C-alpha atoms as a PDB file:
ATOM      1  CA  UNK A   1      11.275  18.027  -9.624  1.00  0.00           C
ATOM      2  CA  UNK A   2      10.253  20.276 -12.426  1.00  0.00           C
ATOM      3  CA  UNK A   3       6.806  21.794 -12.074  1.00  0.00           C
ATOM      4  CA  UNK A   4       6.299  20.721  -8.446  1.00  0.00           C
ATOM      5  CA  UNK A   5       5.204  23.370  -5.982  1.00  0.00           C
ATOM      6  CA  UNK A   6       7.895  24.669  -3.621  1.00  0.00           C
ATOM      7  CA  UNK A   7       5.779  23.765  -0.573  1.00  0.00           C
ATOM      8  CA  UNK A   8       5.700  20.023  -1.486  1.00  0.00           C
ATOM      9  CA  UNK A   9       8.706  17.993  -0.315  1.00  0.00           C
ATOM     10  CA  UNK A  10      10.617  16.532  -3.287  1.00  0.00           C
ATOM     11  CA  UNK A  11       9.783  12.909  -2.465  1.00  0.00           C
ATOM     12  CA  UNK A  12       6.178  13.496  -1.341  1.00  0.00           C
ATOM     13  CA  UNK A  13       2.907  13.034  -3.139  1.00  0.00           C
ATOM     14  CA  UNK A  14       0.050  15.476  -2.641  1.00  0.00           C
ATOM     15  CA  UNK A  15      -2.054  12.631  -1.256  1.00  0.00           C
ATOM     16  CA  UNK A  16      -0.375  10.229   1.155  1.00  0.00           C
ATOM     17  CA  UNK A  17      -2.483   7.752   3.160  1.00  0.00           C
ATOM     18  CA  UNK A  18      -1.710   7.471   6.867  1.00  0.00           C
ATOM     19  CA  UNK A  19      -2.335   3.909   8.032  1.00  0.00           C
ATOM     20  CA  UNK A  20      -2.976   2.749  11.576  1.00  0.00           C
ATOM     21  CA  UNK A  21      -1.165  -0.568  11.984  1.00  0.00           C
ATOM     22  CA  UNK A  22      -0.892  -3.047  14.862  1.00  0.00           C
ATOM     23  CA  UNK A  23       2.878  -2.602  15.145  1.00  0.00           C
ATOM     24  CA  UNK A  24       4.723  -0.026  13.011  1.00  0.00           C
ATOM     25  CA  UNK A  25       8.074  -1.819  13.052  1.00  0.00           C
ATOM     26  CA  UNK A  26       6.491  -5.139  11.979  1.00  0.00           C
ATOM     27  CA  UNK A  27       4.333  -3.417   9.351  1.00  0.00           C
ATOM     28  CA  UNK A  28       7.293  -1.566   7.834  1.00  0.00           C
ATOM     29  CA  UNK A  29       9.280  -4.802   7.694  1.00  0.00           C
ATOM     30  CA  UNK A  30       6.320  -6.577   6.066  1.00  0.00           C
ATOM     31  CA  UNK A  31       5.821  -3.819   3.458  1.00  0.00           C
ATOM     32  CA  UNK A  32       9.515  -4.015   2.571  1.00  0.00           C
ATOM     33  CA  UNK A  33       9.482  -7.820   2.133  1.00  0.00           C
ATOM     34  CA  UNK A  34       6.062  -8.071   0.507  1.00  0.00           C
ATOM     35  CA  UNK A  35       5.825  -4.972  -1.670  1.00  0.00           C
ATOM     36  CA  UNK A  36       9.381  -3.686  -1.981  1.00  0.00           C
ATOM     37  CA  UNK A  37       8.638  -0.453  -0.090  1.00  0.00           C
ATOM     38  CA  UNK A  38      11.567   1.268   1.613  1.00  0.00           C
ATOM     39  CA  UNK A  39      11.411   2.813   5.087  1.00  0.00           C
ATOM     40  CA  UNK A  40      11.939   6.559   5.287  1.00  0.00           C
ATOM     41  CA  UNK A  41      14.583   7.984   7.512  1.00  0.00           C
ATOM     42  CA  UNK A  42      14.271   8.949  10.233  1.00  0.00           C
ATOM     43  CA  UNK A  43      11.354   7.225  11.924  1.00  0.00           C
ATOM     44  CA  UNK A  44       9.967   8.622  15.162  1.00  0.00           C
ATOM     45  CA  UNK A  45      10.489   6.310  18.148  1.00  0.00           C
ATOM     46  CA  UNK A  46       8.909   6.315  21.609  1.00  0.00           C
ATOM     47  CA  UNK A  47      10.923   6.055  24.837  1.00  0.00           C
ATOM     48  CA  UNK A  48      10.953   2.243  24.490  1.00  0.00           C
ATOM     49  CA  UNK A  49      12.443   2.404  20.998  1.00  0.00           C
ATOM     50  CA  UNK A  50       9.240   1.401  19.163  1.00  0.00           C
ATOM     51  CA  UNK A  51       8.309   3.290  16.010  1.00  0.00           C
ATOM     52  CA  UNK A  52       5.345   5.624  16.484  1.00  0.00           C
ATOM     53  CA  UNK A  53       5.602   7.210  13.021  1.00  0.00           C
ATOM     54  CA  UNK A  54       7.144   5.769   9.913  1.00  0.00           C
ATOM     55  CA  UNK A  55       7.134   6.608   6.221  1.00  0.00           C
ATOM     56  CA  UNK A  56       7.200   4.206   3.315  1.00  0.00           C
ATOM     57  CA  UNK A  57       8.618   4.962  -0.119  1.00  0.00           C
ATOM     58  CA  UNK A  58       8.327   3.224  -3.472  1.00  0.00           C
ATOM     59  CA  UNK A  59      10.465   4.178  -6.450  1.00  0.00           C
ATOM     60  CA  UNK A  60      11.701   7.198  -4.503  1.00  0.00           C
ATOM     61  CA  UNK A  61       8.239   8.638  -3.745  1.00  0.00           C
ATOM     62  CA  UNK A  62       6.202   8.534  -0.559  1.00  0.00           C
ATOM     63  CA  UNK A  63       3.523   5.871  -0.639  1.00  0.00           C
ATOM     64  CA  UNK A  64       2.157   5.881   2.920  1.00  0.00           C
ATOM     65  CA  UNK A  65       2.812   6.843   6.510  1.00  0.00           C
ATOM     66  CA  UNK A  66       2.201   4.418   9.379  1.00  0.00           C
ATOM     67  CA  UNK A  67       1.541   4.708  13.068  1.00  0.00           C
ATOM     68  CA  UNK A  68       0.670   1.956  15.556  1.00  0.00           C
ATOM     69  CA  UNK A  69      -2.646   1.626  17.341  1.00  0.00           C
ATOM     70  CA  UNK A  70      -2.616   3.842  20.442  1.00  0.00           C
ATOM     71  CA  UNK A  71       0.139   6.152  19.220  1.00  0.00           C
ATOM     72  CA  UNK A  72      -0.189   9.771  20.275  1.00  0.00           C
ATOM     73  CA  UNK A  73      -3.123   8.790  22.527  1.00  0.00           C
ATOM     74  CA  UNK A  74      -5.271   7.830  19.532  1.00  0.00           C
ATOM     75  CA  UNK A  75      -8.007   5.212  19.498  1.00  0.00           C
ATOM     76  CA  UNK A  76      -7.841   4.208  15.821  1.00  0.00           C
ATOM     77  CA  UNK A  77      -7.740   0.468  15.094  1.00  0.00           C
ATOM     78  CA  UNK A  78      -6.575  -1.511  12.089  1.00  0.00           C
ATOM     79  CA  UNK A  79      -9.361  -2.813   9.814  1.00  0.00           C
ATOM     80  CA  UNK A  80      -8.582  -6.340  11.047  1.00  0.00           C
ATOM     81  CA  UNK A  81      -8.802  -5.398  14.746  1.00  0.00           C
ATOM     82  CA  UNK A  82     -11.923  -3.288  14.115  1.00  0.00           C
ATOM     83  CA  UNK A  83     -13.517  -6.314  12.410  1.00  0.00           C
ATOM     84  CA  UNK A  84     -14.328  -4.526   9.164  1.00  0.00           C
ATOM     85  CA  UNK A  85     -13.294  -4.269   5.572  1.00  0.00           C
ATOM     86  CA  UNK A  86     -12.647  -0.708   4.462  1.00  0.00           C
ATOM     87  CA  UNK A  87     -14.582   0.436   1.386  1.00  0.00           C
ATOM     88  CA  UNK A  88     -11.322   1.660  -0.111  1.00  0.00           C
ATOM     89  CA  UNK A  89      -8.112   0.152  -1.346  1.00  0.00           C
ATOM     90  CA  UNK A  90      -4.778   1.375  -2.655  1.00  0.00           C
ATOM     91  CA  UNK A  91      -3.923   1.145  -6.356  1.00  0.00           C
ATOM     92  CA  UNK A  92      -0.156   1.073  -6.869  1.00  0.00           C
ATOM     93  CA  UNK A  93       1.701   0.650 -10.165  1.00  0.00           C
ATOM     94  CA  UNK A  94       4.710  -1.638 -10.137  1.00  0.00           C
ATOM     95  CA  UNK A  95       7.153  -3.104 -12.664  1.00  0.00           C
ATOM     96  CA  UNK A  96       6.187  -6.784 -12.226  1.00  0.00           C
ATOM     97  CA  UNK A  97       2.824  -7.565 -10.652  1.00  0.00           C
ATOM     98  CA  UNK A  98       3.339 -11.345 -10.798  1.00  0.00           C
ATOM     99  CA  UNK A  99       6.612 -11.157  -8.874  1.00  0.00           C
ATOM    100  CA  UNK A 100       5.135  -8.726  -6.369  1.00  0.00           C
ATOM    101  CA  UNK A 101       2.131 -11.009  -5.720  1.00  0.00           C
ATOM    102  CA  UNK A 102       4.475 -13.977  -5.165  1.00  0.00           C
ATOM    103  CA  UNK A 103       6.648 -11.934  -2.775  1.00  0.00           C
ATOM    104  CA  UNK A 104       3.578 -10.696  -0.899  1.00  0.00           C
ATOM    105  CA  UNK A 105       2.234 -14.238  -0.464  1.00  0.00           C
ATOM    106  CA  UNK A 106       5.632 -15.458   0.759  1.00  0.00           C
ATOM    107  CA  UNK A 107       5.723 -12.572   3.275  1.00  0.00           C
ATOM    108  CA  UNK A 108       2.332 -13.559   4.742  1.00  0.00           C
ATOM    109  CA  UNK A 109      -0.149 -11.482   2.736  1.00  0.00           C
ATOM    110  CA  UNK A 110      -3.359 -12.924   1.339  1.00  0.00           C
ATOM    111  CA  UNK A 111      -3.553 -12.792  -2.441  1.00  0.00           C
ATOM    112  CA  UNK A 112      -7.286 -12.228  -2.874  1.00  0.00           C
ATOM    113  CA  UNK A 113      -7.132 -12.081  -6.662  1.00  0.00           C
ATOM    114  CA  UNK A 114      -4.180 -13.516  -8.535  1.00  0.00           C
ATOM    115  CA  UNK A 115      -2.585 -11.450 -11.283  1.00  0.00           C
ATOM    116  CA  UNK A 116      -4.758 -11.136 -14.363  1.00  0.00           C
ATOM    117  CA  UNK A 117      -5.053  -8.814 -17.335  1.00  0.00           C
ATOM    118  CA  UNK A 118      -7.870  -6.273 -17.222  1.00  0.00           C
ATOM    119  CA  UNK A 119      -9.845  -4.685 -20.062  1.00  0.00           C
ATOM    120  CA  UNK A 120      -8.457  -1.241 -19.226  1.00  0.00           C
ATOM    121  CA  UNK A 121      -4.898  -2.353 -20.083  1.00  0.00           C
ATOM    122  CA  UNK A 122      -3.440  -3.142 -16.658  1.00  0.00           C
ATOM    123  CA  UNK A 123      -2.444  -6.495 -15.197  1.00  0.00           C
ATOM    124  CA  UNK A 124      -3.578  -6.412 -11.584  1.00  0.00           C
ATOM    125  CA  UNK A 125      -3.475  -8.429  -8.348  1.00  0.00           C
ATOM    126  CA  UNK A 126      -5.504  -7.742  -5.204  1.00  0.00           C
ATOM    127  CA  UNK A 127      -3.634  -8.352  -1.942  1.00  0.00           C
ATOM    128  CA  UNK A 128      -4.689  -8.006   1.718  1.00  0.00           C
ATOM    129  CA  UNK A 129      -1.953  -7.153   4.204  1.00  0.00           C
ATOM    130  CA  UNK A 130      -1.825  -8.539   7.785  1.00  0.00           C
ATOM    131  CA  UNK A 131      -3.577  -5.434   9.195  1.00  0.00           C
ATOM    132  CA  UNK A 132      -6.523  -5.862   6.785  1.00  0.00           C
ATOM    133  CA  UNK A 133      -5.734  -3.142   4.255  1.00  0.00           C
ATOM    134  CA  UNK A 134      -6.379  -4.081   0.640  1.00  0.00           C
ATOM    135  CA  UNK A 135      -3.847  -3.204  -2.034  1.00  0.00           C
ATOM    136  CA  UNK A 136      -4.307  -3.553  -5.793  1.00  0.00           C
ATOM    137  CA  UNK A 137      -1.006  -3.628  -7.635  1.00  0.00           C
ATOM    138  CA  UNK A 138      -0.994  -2.944 -11.345  1.00  0.00           C
ATOM    139  CA  UNK A 139       1.344  -3.097 -14.286  1.00  0.00           C
ATOM    140  CA  UNK A 140       0.477  -1.494 -17.622  1.00  0.00           C
ATOM    141  CA  UNK A 141       0.461  -4.247 -20.273  1.00  0.00           C
ATOM    142  CA  UNK A 142      -1.859  -2.865 -22.972  1.00  0.00           C
ATOM    143  CA  UNK A 143      -4.463  -0.308 -23.866  1.00  0.00           C
ATOM    144  CA  UNK A 144      -8.113   0.101 -22.905  1.00  0.00           C
ATOM    145  CA  UNK A 145     -10.299  -2.283 -24.918  1.00  0.00           C
ATOM    146  CA  UNK A 146     -13.968  -1.251 -24.685  1.00  0.00           C
ATOM    147  CA  UNK A 147     -15.068  -4.492 -26.357  1.00  0.00           C
ATOM    148  CA  UNK A 148     -13.913  -6.415 -23.272  1.00  0.00           C
ATOM    149  CA  UNK A 149     -15.757  -4.186 -20.794  1.00  0.00           C
ATOM    150  CA  UNK A 150     -18.215  -6.144 -18.648  1.00  0.00           C
ATOM    151  CA  UNK A 151     -21.873  -5.567 -19.536  1.00  0.00           C
ATOM    152  CA  UNK A 152     -24.104  -4.248 -16.738  1.00  0.00           C
ATOM    153  CA  UNK A 153     -26.569  -6.793 -15.320  1.00  0.00           C
ATOM    154  CA  UNK A 154     -30.080  -6.775 -16.719  1.00  0.00           C
END
């Protein structure tokens, strides 16, 4: 890629979240069916053939890395297994947010907020995956309209 630093792999982003999931193989299959992500190659497998590190790509770029609970001796838990909601979500642009939300629901995700147009010019949907991570998918459909911005309370 033009203008990218030599130390950054061609398909990588400078910021790539690393998600702890219940089962990496199941999570990677879910992300493919629900969100259209593609599994990177190769994945790292343990001696039983289970994935202990996987990479997910979208439109040819890395989107996230995944590792199952307990991998590498770690104690991290998924948000769902930890019983909490993370104060962070992932904002991902896509070509068709309505289709993606329908695919995600069919794959077992919870559509927390159905697709709707936002005042900043994106059409968005908020989706929770089976491990409890929250994803907001967006599609640019217009321009920022300050007249539609919500007024602060009070």
